Amino acid sequence: MFALGVKREYRHTGTAAAFYAEHWRECLRRNVVRVETGWILETNEPMNRAMEALGGDIVKRYRIYERPFGGAANTVAGEEQESTGDGFAPLLGIA
């Protein structure tokens, strides 16, 4: 499966829990013992909590940084961002 998500209007309705339960059953049925749940932003707390509740571990963190050209301000979506001191500013407020 490439991606799994629940539209905002269906969150907190049990839809995500049904997805997790079905995936768990299929893994057991097929004798799957290891799965990859990569590319989850570290700021996506609901998904990270669900993954950990199913026995998963966070083993890597991917971050995206930007470095403005010239004298451009460090901005993301129009908001000023603090620099990390090396000329890079973290995107999405991830540090």
N, C-alpha and C. Protein backbone atom coordinates (compact mmCIF):
# COMPACT_ATOMS: atom_id res chain seq x y z
N MET A 1 0.85 -1.16 0.00
CA MET A 1 0.00 0.00 0.00
C MET A 1 0.90 1.23 0.00
N PHE A 2 0.64 2.17 -0.86
CA PHE A 2 1.47 3.36 -0.97
C PHE A 2 1.11 4.39 0.10
N ALA A 3 -0.17 4.66 0.30
CA ALA A 3 -0.56 5.69 1.26
C ALA A 3 -1.86 5.30 1.94
N LEU A 4 -1.99 5.74 3.16
CA LEU A 4 -3.20 5.49 3.94
C LEU A 4 -3.55 6.78 4.66
N GLY A 5 -4.78 7.18 4.55
CA GLY A 5 -5.20 8.39 5.23
C GLY A 5 -6.71 8.43 5.34
N VAL A 6 -7.17 9.27 6.22
CA VAL A 6 -8.61 9.45 6.43
C VAL A 6 -8.91 10.93 6.25
N LYS A 7 -9.89 11.22 5.41
CA LYS A 7 -10.27 12.61 5.20
C LYS A 7 -10.71 13.24 6.52
N ARG A 8 -10.45 14.52 6.63
CA ARG A 8 -10.72 15.25 7.87
C ARG A 8 -12.14 15.03 8.38
N GLU A 9 -13.13 15.05 7.49
CA GLU A 9 -14.52 14.93 7.93
C GLU A 9 -14.87 13.54 8.47
N TYR A 10 -13.99 12.54 8.22
CA TYR A 10 -14.23 11.19 8.72
C TYR A 10 -13.33 10.81 9.89
N ARG A 11 -12.49 11.73 10.33
CA ARG A 11 -11.63 11.45 11.47
C ARG A 11 -12.46 11.38 12.75
N HIS A 12 -12.00 10.60 13.69
CA HIS A 12 -12.68 10.41 14.99
C HIS A 12 -14.05 9.76 14.83
N THR A 13 -14.21 8.97 13.76
CA THR A 13 -15.48 8.25 13.55
C THR A 13 -15.28 6.74 13.62
N GLY A 14 -14.05 6.30 13.86
CA GLY A 14 -13.76 4.88 13.88
C GLY A 14 -13.22 4.37 12.55
N THR A 15 -13.18 5.23 11.54
CA THR A 15 -12.71 4.82 10.22
C THR A 15 -11.25 4.41 10.27
N ALA A 16 -10.40 5.21 10.91
CA ALA A 16 -8.98 4.88 11.01
C ALA A 16 -8.79 3.58 11.78
N ALA A 17 -9.53 3.41 12.86
CA ALA A 17 -9.42 2.17 13.65
C ALA A 17 -9.80 0.96 12.81
N ALA A 18 -10.80 1.10 11.94
CA ALA A 18 -11.20 0.00 11.06
C ALA A 18 -10.09 -0.32 10.07
N PHE A 19 -9.43 0.71 9.53
CA PHE A 19 -8.29 0.49 8.63
C PHE A 19 -7.19 -0.28 9.36
N TYR A 20 -6.83 0.16 10.56
CA TYR A 20 -5.77 -0.49 11.31
C TYR A 20 -6.12 -1.94 11.62
N ALA A 21 -7.36 -2.18 12.04
CA ALA A 21 -7.80 -3.54 12.37
C ALA A 21 -7.73 -4.44 11.14
N GLU A 22 -8.17 -3.94 10.00
CA GLU A 22 -8.13 -4.75 8.78
C GLU A 22 -6.70 -5.05 8.35
N HIS A 23 -5.83 -4.06 8.44
CA HIS A 23 -4.43 -4.29 8.09
C HIS A 23 -3.79 -5.29 9.04
N TRP A 24 -4.11 -5.20 10.32
CA TRP A 24 -3.58 -6.13 11.31
C TRP A 24 -4.03 -7.56 10.99
N ARG A 25 -5.33 -7.73 10.68
CA ARG A 25 -5.85 -9.06 10.33
C ARG A 25 -5.16 -9.63 9.09
N GLU A 26 -4.97 -8.78 8.07
CA GLU A 26 -4.31 -9.24 6.85
C GLU A 26 -2.86 -9.63 7.10
N CYS A 27 -2.18 -8.86 7.93
CA CYS A 27 -0.79 -9.21 8.26
C CYS A 27 -0.74 -10.56 8.95
N LEU A 28 -1.63 -10.80 9.88
CA LEU A 28 -1.67 -12.08 10.58
C LEU A 28 -2.00 -13.21 9.61
N ARG A 29 -2.98 -13.00 8.73
CA ARG A 29 -3.40 -14.01 7.78
C ARG A 29 -2.28 -14.39 6.82
N ARG A 30 -1.48 -13.40 6.43
CA ARG A 30 -0.41 -13.62 5.46
C ARG A 30 0.95 -13.87 6.11
N ASN A 31 0.97 -13.97 7.43
CA ASN A 31 2.21 -14.20 8.18
C ASN A 31 3.24 -13.09 7.97
N VAL A 32 2.77 -11.86 7.83
CA VAL A 32 3.66 -10.70 7.70
C VAL A 32 4.14 -10.35 9.11
N VAL A 33 5.46 -10.25 9.27
CA VAL A 33 6.01 -9.98 10.60
C VAL A 33 6.67 -8.61 10.70
N ARG A 34 6.86 -7.93 9.55
CA ARG A 34 7.50 -6.61 9.58
C ARG A 34 6.90 -5.75 8.48
N VAL A 35 6.59 -4.52 8.83
CA VAL A 35 6.06 -3.57 7.86
C VAL A 35 6.78 -2.23 7.99
N GLU A 36 6.74 -1.44 6.93
CA GLU A 36 7.36 -0.12 6.91
C GLU A 36 6.26 0.93 6.95
N THR A 37 6.36 1.87 7.86
CA THR A 37 5.40 2.98 7.92
C THR A 37 6.15 4.29 7.78
N GLY A 38 6.96 4.37 6.76
CA GLY A 38 7.79 5.56 6.56
C GLY A 38 7.02 6.74 6.03
N TRP A 39 7.72 7.85 5.96
CA TRP A 39 7.20 9.10 5.44
C TRP A 39 6.04 9.65 6.25
N ILE A 40 6.06 9.40 7.54
CA ILE A 40 5.08 10.02 8.44
C ILE A 40 5.78 11.21 9.07
N LEU A 41 5.24 12.40 8.87
CA LEU A 41 5.87 13.57 9.47
C LEU A 41 5.91 13.42 10.99
N GLU A 42 6.99 13.87 11.59
CA GLU A 42 7.07 13.76 13.04
C GLU A 42 6.04 14.65 13.73
N THR A 43 5.46 15.60 13.00
CA THR A 43 4.42 16.46 13.56
C THR A 43 3.04 15.81 13.45
N ASN A 44 2.93 14.66 12.79
CA ASN A 44 1.65 13.95 12.65
C ASN A 44 1.48 13.04 13.87
N GLU A 45 1.16 13.66 14.99
CA GLU A 45 1.06 12.93 16.25
C GLU A 45 0.02 11.82 16.24
N PRO A 46 -1.18 12.03 15.66
CA PRO A 46 -2.16 10.92 15.66
C PRO A 46 -1.63 9.67 14.94
N MET A 47 -0.99 9.85 13.80
CA MET A 47 -0.48 8.69 13.06
C MET A 47 0.68 8.04 13.79
N ASN A 48 1.56 8.84 14.37
CA ASN A 48 2.69 8.27 15.12
C ASN A 48 2.20 7.52 16.36
N ARG A 49 1.20 8.06 17.05
CA ARG A 49 0.64 7.36 18.22
C ARG A 49 0.01 6.04 17.81
N ALA A 50 -0.73 6.05 16.70
CA ALA A 50 -1.37 4.82 16.23
C ALA A 50 -0.32 3.77 15.86
N MET A 51 0.72 4.21 15.15
CA MET A 51 1.79 3.29 14.75
C MET A 51 2.47 2.68 15.97
N GLU A 52 2.75 3.50 16.98
CA GLU A 52 3.39 2.99 18.19
C GLU A 52 2.44 2.07 18.97
N ALA A 53 1.14 2.37 18.97
CA ALA A 53 0.16 1.52 19.66
C ALA A 53 0.08 0.13 19.03
N LEU A 54 0.39 0.05 17.73
CA LEU A 54 0.40 -1.24 17.05
C LEU A 54 1.75 -1.94 17.14
N GLY A 55 2.65 -1.40 17.99
CA GLY A 55 3.92 -2.06 18.22
C GLY A 55 5.08 -1.51 17.41
N GLY A 56 4.85 -0.42 16.68
CA GLY A 56 5.89 0.16 15.85
C GLY A 56 6.86 1.02 16.64
N ASP A 57 8.03 1.21 16.06
CA ASP A 57 9.06 2.05 16.65
C ASP A 57 9.50 3.10 15.65
N ILE A 58 9.76 4.31 16.13
CA ILE A 58 10.33 5.34 15.27
C ILE A 58 11.82 5.11 15.22
N VAL A 59 12.34 4.84 14.03
CA VAL A 59 13.76 4.53 13.89
C VAL A 59 14.51 5.56 13.06
N LYS A 60 13.80 6.42 12.34
CA LYS A 60 14.42 7.48 11.54
C LYS A 60 13.53 8.71 11.58
N ARG A 61 14.15 9.87 11.39
CA ARG A 61 13.42 11.12 11.25
C ARG A 61 13.92 11.81 9.99
N TYR A 62 13.00 12.18 9.14
CA TYR A 62 13.33 12.92 7.93
C TYR A 62 12.86 14.35 8.12
N ARG A 63 13.72 15.30 7.77
CA ARG A 63 13.37 16.71 7.88
C ARG A 63 13.71 17.42 6.59
N ILE A 64 12.97 18.45 6.31
CA ILE A 64 13.18 19.25 5.12
C ILE A 64 13.59 20.64 5.58
N TYR A 65 14.68 21.15 5.01
CA TYR A 65 15.16 22.48 5.35
C TYR A 65 15.21 23.33 4.09
N GLU A 66 15.17 24.63 4.30
CA GLU A 66 15.33 25.54 3.17
C GLU A 66 16.44 26.53 3.48
N ARG A 67 17.08 27.02 2.45
CA ARG A 67 18.08 28.06 2.60
C ARG A 67 17.76 29.12 1.57
N PRO A 68 17.37 30.30 2.04
CA PRO A 68 16.99 31.35 1.09
C PRO A 68 18.17 31.83 0.27
N PHE A 69 17.91 32.23 -0.95
CA PHE A 69 18.92 32.80 -1.83
C PHE A 69 18.98 34.30 -1.61
N GLY A 70 20.16 34.88 -1.69
CA GLY A 70 20.30 36.32 -1.51
C GLY A 70 19.93 36.74 -0.11
N GLY A 71 19.26 37.86 0.00
CA GLY A 71 18.88 38.39 1.30
C GLY A 71 17.44 38.10 1.66
N ALA A 72 16.83 37.11 1.00
CA ALA A 72 15.42 36.79 1.25
C ALA A 72 15.21 36.36 2.70
N ALA A 73 14.08 36.73 3.25
CA ALA A 73 13.75 36.36 4.63
C ALA A 73 13.41 34.88 4.70
N ASN A 74 13.65 34.27 5.85
CA ASN A 74 13.26 32.89 6.07
C ASN A 74 11.76 32.85 6.33
N THR A 75 10.98 32.43 5.34
CA THR A 75 9.53 32.38 5.52
C THR A 75 8.99 31.06 5.04
N VAL A 76 7.95 30.61 5.70
CA VAL A 76 7.18 29.45 5.30
C VAL A 76 5.73 29.87 5.41
N ALA A 77 5.01 29.82 4.31
CA ALA A 77 3.60 30.22 4.27
C ALA A 77 3.42 31.62 4.86
N GLY A 78 4.36 32.50 4.56
CA GLY A 78 4.24 33.89 4.98
C GLY A 78 4.63 34.16 6.42
N GLU A 79 5.07 33.14 7.16
CA GLU A 79 5.46 33.35 8.55
C GLU A 79 6.97 33.35 8.67
N GLU A 80 7.49 34.26 9.47
CA GLU A 80 8.93 34.35 9.71
C GLU A 80 9.40 33.10 10.45
N GLN A 81 10.53 32.51 10.04
CA GLN A 81 11.09 31.33 10.68
C GLN A 81 12.44 31.67 11.28
N GLU A 82 12.73 31.09 12.43
CA GLU A 82 14.03 31.30 13.05
C GLU A 82 15.07 30.45 12.34
N SER A 83 16.25 30.98 12.19
CA SER A 83 17.34 30.23 11.58
C SER A 83 17.93 29.27 12.60
N THR A 84 18.53 28.19 12.11
CA THR A 84 19.18 27.23 12.99
C THR A 84 20.61 27.65 13.30
N GLY A 85 21.02 28.82 12.79
CA GLY A 85 22.37 29.29 13.05
C GLY A 85 23.35 28.95 11.94
N ASP A 86 22.97 28.05 11.06
CA ASP A 86 23.85 27.65 9.97
C ASP A 86 23.35 28.20 8.62
N GLY A 87 22.42 29.13 8.69
CA GLY A 87 21.86 29.69 7.47
C GLY A 87 20.65 28.94 6.95
N PHE A 88 20.29 27.84 7.62
CA PHE A 88 19.13 27.06 7.22
C PHE A 88 17.98 27.34 8.16
N ALA A 89 16.77 27.29 7.65
CA ALA A 89 15.59 27.44 8.47
C ALA A 89 14.73 26.21 8.28
N PRO A 90 14.29 25.58 9.36
CA PRO A 90 13.47 24.36 9.20
C PRO A 90 12.10 24.69 8.62
N LEU A 91 11.63 23.86 7.71
CA LEU A 91 10.28 23.99 7.19
C LEU A 91 9.32 23.34 8.17
N LEU A 92 8.09 23.74 8.17
CA LEU A 92 7.03 23.16 8.98
C LEU A 92 7.29 23.26 10.48
N GLY A 93 8.20 24.10 10.88
CA GLY A 93 8.48 24.27 12.30
C GLY A 93 9.17 23.07 12.93
N ILE A 94 9.75 22.20 12.11
CA ILE A 94 10.43 21.01 12.63
C ILE A 94 11.88 21.37 12.91
N ALA A 95 12.34 21.09 14.07
CA ALA A 95 13.74 21.40 14.41
C ALA A 95 14.43 20.20 15.00
